[in-house]
């Protein structure tokens, strides 16, 4: 029986989804353990023993326990799917730039806008929309003449940005002005092993 990693996550978490998506795309054997965030399971001792920060996702790979979705992507690529993280130093640096973008402007833009509508987060919708427009514009310009974010093949950069960008309409952020972004999302969705994140019928997705 093949070794299987355990992914502790939540279905509506884009951070969790990017890890599940990558495991599926890369053909990494895995089991998904749903953490009941609504019931506060992530703040209980059993989960805090895995991640003292009380956040999903967390993976268990044998005796290795890791949190932080982007760190997990790097770990899984290095260990199980090296083609998804280029060895070329320039391309690897480009991938890292998009991981930073995912943790920065994407998190504070489209992801935060979605938090307002899906989870009633007390955030500034106007600020989120401004950040979202800026980062989507950057990605759209970068994608001119490209199929994927870095090089000619998919990398963990594409996985890192996918979930919250694809679900930006749930936060009231339209993707219509960004044809290259929409083409990138379609390219990712066309990959073998693609696994969608559940759609929440709010915002422009209502």
Protein backbone atom coordinates (compact mmCIF):
# COMPACT_ATOMS: atom_id res chain seq x y z
CA UNK A 1 0.00 0.00 0.00
CA UNK A 2 1.56 3.35 -1.03
CA UNK A 3 2.55 5.87 1.60
CA UNK A 4 -0.11 8.58 1.98
CA UNK A 5 0.25 12.02 3.50
CA UNK A 6 -2.53 13.44 5.68
CA UNK A 7 -3.83 16.91 4.86
CA UNK A 8 -5.74 18.58 7.68
CA UNK A 9 -7.86 21.32 6.13
CA UNK A 10 -11.23 22.94 5.62
CA UNK A 11 -13.19 22.75 2.33
CA UNK A 12 -13.80 26.50 1.99
CA UNK A 13 -10.22 27.50 2.85
CA UNK A 14 -8.22 28.52 -0.19
CA UNK A 15 -5.04 27.84 1.76
CA UNK A 16 -6.17 24.27 2.33
CA UNK A 17 -7.35 23.94 -1.24
CA UNK A 18 -3.98 24.87 -2.74
CA UNK A 19 -2.35 21.99 -0.85
CA UNK A 20 -5.06 19.49 -1.83
CA UNK A 21 -4.94 20.77 -5.40
CA UNK A 22 -1.19 20.30 -5.64
CA UNK A 23 -1.29 16.82 -4.14
CA UNK A 24 -3.94 15.89 -6.69
CA UNK A 25 -2.14 17.48 -9.67
CA UNK A 26 1.20 15.96 -8.71
CA UNK A 27 -0.27 12.51 -8.03
CA UNK A 28 0.84 12.51 -4.40
CA UNK A 29 -1.12 9.93 -2.40
CA UNK A 30 -3.03 11.74 0.31
CA UNK A 31 -5.94 11.60 2.72
CA UNK A 32 -7.92 14.70 3.64
CA UNK A 33 -8.91 15.24 7.27
CA UNK A 34 -11.61 17.91 7.59
CA UNK A 35 -11.10 20.27 10.53
CA UNK A 36 -14.40 21.69 11.81
CA UNK A 37 -13.50 25.37 12.04
CA UNK A 38 -17.06 26.40 12.90
CA UNK A 39 -16.96 24.17 15.98
CA UNK A 40 -13.53 25.53 16.95
CA UNK A 41 -11.75 22.23 16.40
CA UNK A 42 -8.64 24.13 15.24
CA UNK A 43 -8.34 25.70 18.70
CA UNK A 44 -8.52 22.41 20.61
CA UNK A 45 -5.45 20.63 22.06
CA UNK A 46 -5.29 17.78 19.49
CA UNK A 47 -5.04 20.20 16.57
CA UNK A 48 -2.86 22.70 18.43
CA UNK A 49 -0.41 19.86 18.99
CA UNK A 50 -0.01 19.78 15.21
CA UNK A 51 0.00 23.54 14.69
CA UNK A 52 0.20 25.83 17.74
CA UNK A 53 -1.00 28.71 15.54
CA UNK A 54 -4.37 26.94 15.22
CA UNK A 55 -4.60 27.37 11.46
CA UNK A 56 -5.24 25.06 8.50
CA UNK A 57 -3.74 23.48 6.53
CA UNK A 58 -1.36 21.12 8.27
CA UNK A 59 0.17 18.03 6.71
CA UNK A 60 1.53 14.91 8.32
CA UNK A 61 4.07 13.01 6.26
CA UNK A 62 5.30 10.17 8.41
CA UNK A 63 6.99 11.89 11.33
CA UNK A 64 7.08 15.27 9.57
CA UNK A 65 4.41 17.82 10.49
CA UNK A 66 4.25 21.07 8.51
CA UNK A 67 1.97 24.10 8.43
CA UNK A 68 1.80 27.17 6.15
CA UNK A 69 0.36 26.35 2.75
CA UNK A 70 3.19 27.81 0.66
CA UNK A 71 5.85 26.12 2.78
CA UNK A 72 3.95 22.86 2.31
CA UNK A 73 3.92 23.36 -1.48
CA UNK A 74 7.71 23.79 -1.50
CA UNK A 75 8.20 20.73 0.70
CA UNK A 76 5.92 18.50 -1.36
CA UNK A 77 7.47 19.64 -4.63
CA UNK A 78 11.02 19.09 -3.40
CA UNK A 79 10.25 15.66 -1.99
CA UNK A 80 7.67 14.21 -4.37
CA UNK A 81 7.28 16.33 -7.52
CA UNK A 82 10.49 18.24 -8.37
CA UNK A 83 9.27 19.19 -11.86
CA UNK A 84 6.87 21.64 -10.15
CA UNK A 85 9.73 23.66 -8.60
CA UNK A 86 12.40 24.50 -11.21
CA UNK A 87 16.02 23.80 -10.32
CA UNK A 88 17.16 26.76 -12.44
CA UNK A 89 17.92 29.55 -9.94
CA UNK A 90 16.27 32.29 -11.99
CA UNK A 91 13.06 30.33 -12.51
CA UNK A 92 13.04 29.22 -8.87
CA UNK A 93 13.34 32.86 -7.82
CA UNK A 94 10.39 33.70 -10.09
CA UNK A 95 8.34 30.97 -8.40
CA UNK A 96 9.24 32.39 -4.98
CA UNK A 97 8.07 35.84 -6.10
CA UNK A 98 4.62 34.44 -6.83
CA UNK A 99 4.52 32.60 -3.51
CA UNK A 100 5.17 35.98 -1.88
CA UNK A 101 2.43 37.52 -4.02
CA UNK A 102 0.04 34.79 -2.86
CA UNK A 103 0.87 35.49 0.77
CA UNK A 104 0.73 39.26 0.27
CA UNK A 105 -1.43 41.09 -2.23
CA UNK A 106 -3.60 38.09 -3.11
CA UNK A 107 -4.22 37.41 0.58
CA UNK A 108 -5.05 41.06 1.31
CA UNK A 109 -6.98 41.57 -1.94
CA UNK A 110 -9.21 38.89 -3.46
CA UNK A 111 -8.85 36.47 -0.55
CA UNK A 112 -9.77 39.10 2.03
CA UNK A 113 -12.68 40.36 -0.08
CA UNK A 114 -14.00 36.80 -0.15
CA UNK A 115 -13.64 36.53 3.63
CA UNK A 116 -16.02 39.46 4.00
CA UNK A 117 -18.80 37.81 1.98
CA UNK A 118 -18.30 34.17 2.93
CA UNK A 119 -17.34 34.49 6.60
CA UNK A 120 -18.53 38.02 7.50
CA UNK A 121 -14.98 39.10 8.29
CA UNK A 122 -14.78 42.68 9.66
CA UNK A 123 -12.49 43.96 6.91
CA UNK A 124 -12.45 47.05 4.67
CA UNK A 125 -14.13 46.00 1.42
CA UNK A 126 -12.97 49.07 -0.49
CA UNK A 127 -9.34 48.49 0.49
CA UNK A 128 -9.59 44.81 -0.47
CA UNK A 129 -11.05 45.72 -3.87
CA UNK A 130 -8.25 48.21 -4.49
CA UNK A 131 -5.56 45.66 -3.66
CA UNK A 132 -7.35 43.02 -5.73
CA UNK A 133 -7.47 45.27 -8.80
CA UNK A 134 -3.77 46.02 -8.45
CA UNK A 135 -2.64 42.42 -8.11
CA UNK A 136 -4.95 41.07 -10.81
CA UNK A 137 -3.67 43.77 -13.14
CA UNK A 138 -0.10 42.71 -12.40
CA UNK A 139 -0.84 39.07 -13.12
CA UNK A 140 -2.79 39.91 -16.27
CA UNK A 141 0.11 41.95 -17.64
CA UNK A 142 2.63 39.26 -16.70
CA UNK A 143 0.60 36.57 -18.45
CA UNK A 144 0.62 38.26 -21.86
CA UNK A 145 1.90 35.61 -24.28
CA UNK A 146 2.28 33.00 -21.53
CA UNK A 147 0.45 29.81 -20.61
CA UNK A 148 1.70 29.57 -17.02
CA UNK A 149 3.30 31.96 -14.56
CA UNK A 150 6.89 30.68 -14.79
CA UNK A 151 8.40 29.04 -17.85
CA UNK A 152 6.42 26.84 -20.19
CA UNK A 153 5.01 24.36 -17.67
CA UNK A 154 2.92 24.57 -14.50
CA UNK A 155 4.73 25.11 -11.21
CA UNK A 156 3.71 25.56 -7.60
CA UNK A 157 3.44 29.28 -8.41
CA UNK A 158 0.30 28.56 -10.43
CA UNK A 159 -1.09 26.42 -7.63
CA UNK A 160 -0.36 29.08 -5.01
CA UNK A 161 -2.31 31.81 -6.78
CA UNK A 162 -5.15 29.69 -8.17
CA UNK A 163 -7.66 29.20 -5.34
CA UNK A 164 -8.25 32.78 -4.23
CA UNK A 165 -7.95 34.28 -7.71
CA UNK A 166 -10.43 31.77 -9.17
CA UNK A 167 -12.86 32.49 -6.33
CA UNK A 168 -12.42 36.28 -6.40
CA UNK A 169 -16.02 36.75 -7.66
CA UNK A 170 -17.26 35.44 -4.30
CA UNK A 171 -15.72 38.57 -2.83
CA UNK A 172 -17.39 40.79 -5.41
CA UNK A 173 -14.21 41.01 -7.52
CA UNK A 174 -14.90 40.59 -11.24
CA UNK A 175 -12.39 38.73 -13.39
CA UNK A 176 -13.92 40.05 -16.61
CA UNK A 177 -11.34 42.85 -17.03
CA UNK A 178 -8.49 40.32 -16.91
CA UNK A 179 -8.59 37.98 -19.94
CA UNK A 180 -5.05 36.70 -19.39
CA UNK A 181 -5.86 35.82 -15.78
CA UNK A 182 -8.95 33.93 -16.91
CA UNK A 183 -6.87 32.08 -19.51
CA UNK A 184 -4.35 31.09 -16.84
CA UNK A 185 -7.12 29.76 -14.60
CA UNK A 186 -8.51 27.75 -17.52
CA UNK A 187 -5.06 26.29 -18.22
CA UNK A 188 -4.74 25.19 -14.59
CA UNK A 189 -8.26 23.75 -14.60
CA UNK A 190 -7.36 21.77 -17.71
CA UNK A 191 -4.50 19.93 -16.03
CA UNK A 192 -4.87 16.23 -15.26
CA UNK A 193 -5.79 15.76 -11.62
CA UNK A 194 -7.34 19.21 -11.22
CA UNK A 195 -9.55 19.41 -8.14
CA UNK A 196 -11.94 22.36 -7.75
CA UNK A 197 -12.71 24.17 -4.53
CA UNK A 198 -16.41 24.33 -3.60
CA UNK A 199 -18.13 27.52 -4.82
CA UNK A 200 -19.94 29.68 -2.30
CA UNK A 201 -22.94 31.47 -3.80
CA UNK A 202 -22.11 34.99 -2.62
CA UNK A 203 -20.89 38.18 -4.25
CA UNK A 204 -20.70 37.96 -8.03
CA UNK A 205 -20.97 34.17 -7.72
CA UNK A 206 -24.46 34.42 -6.20
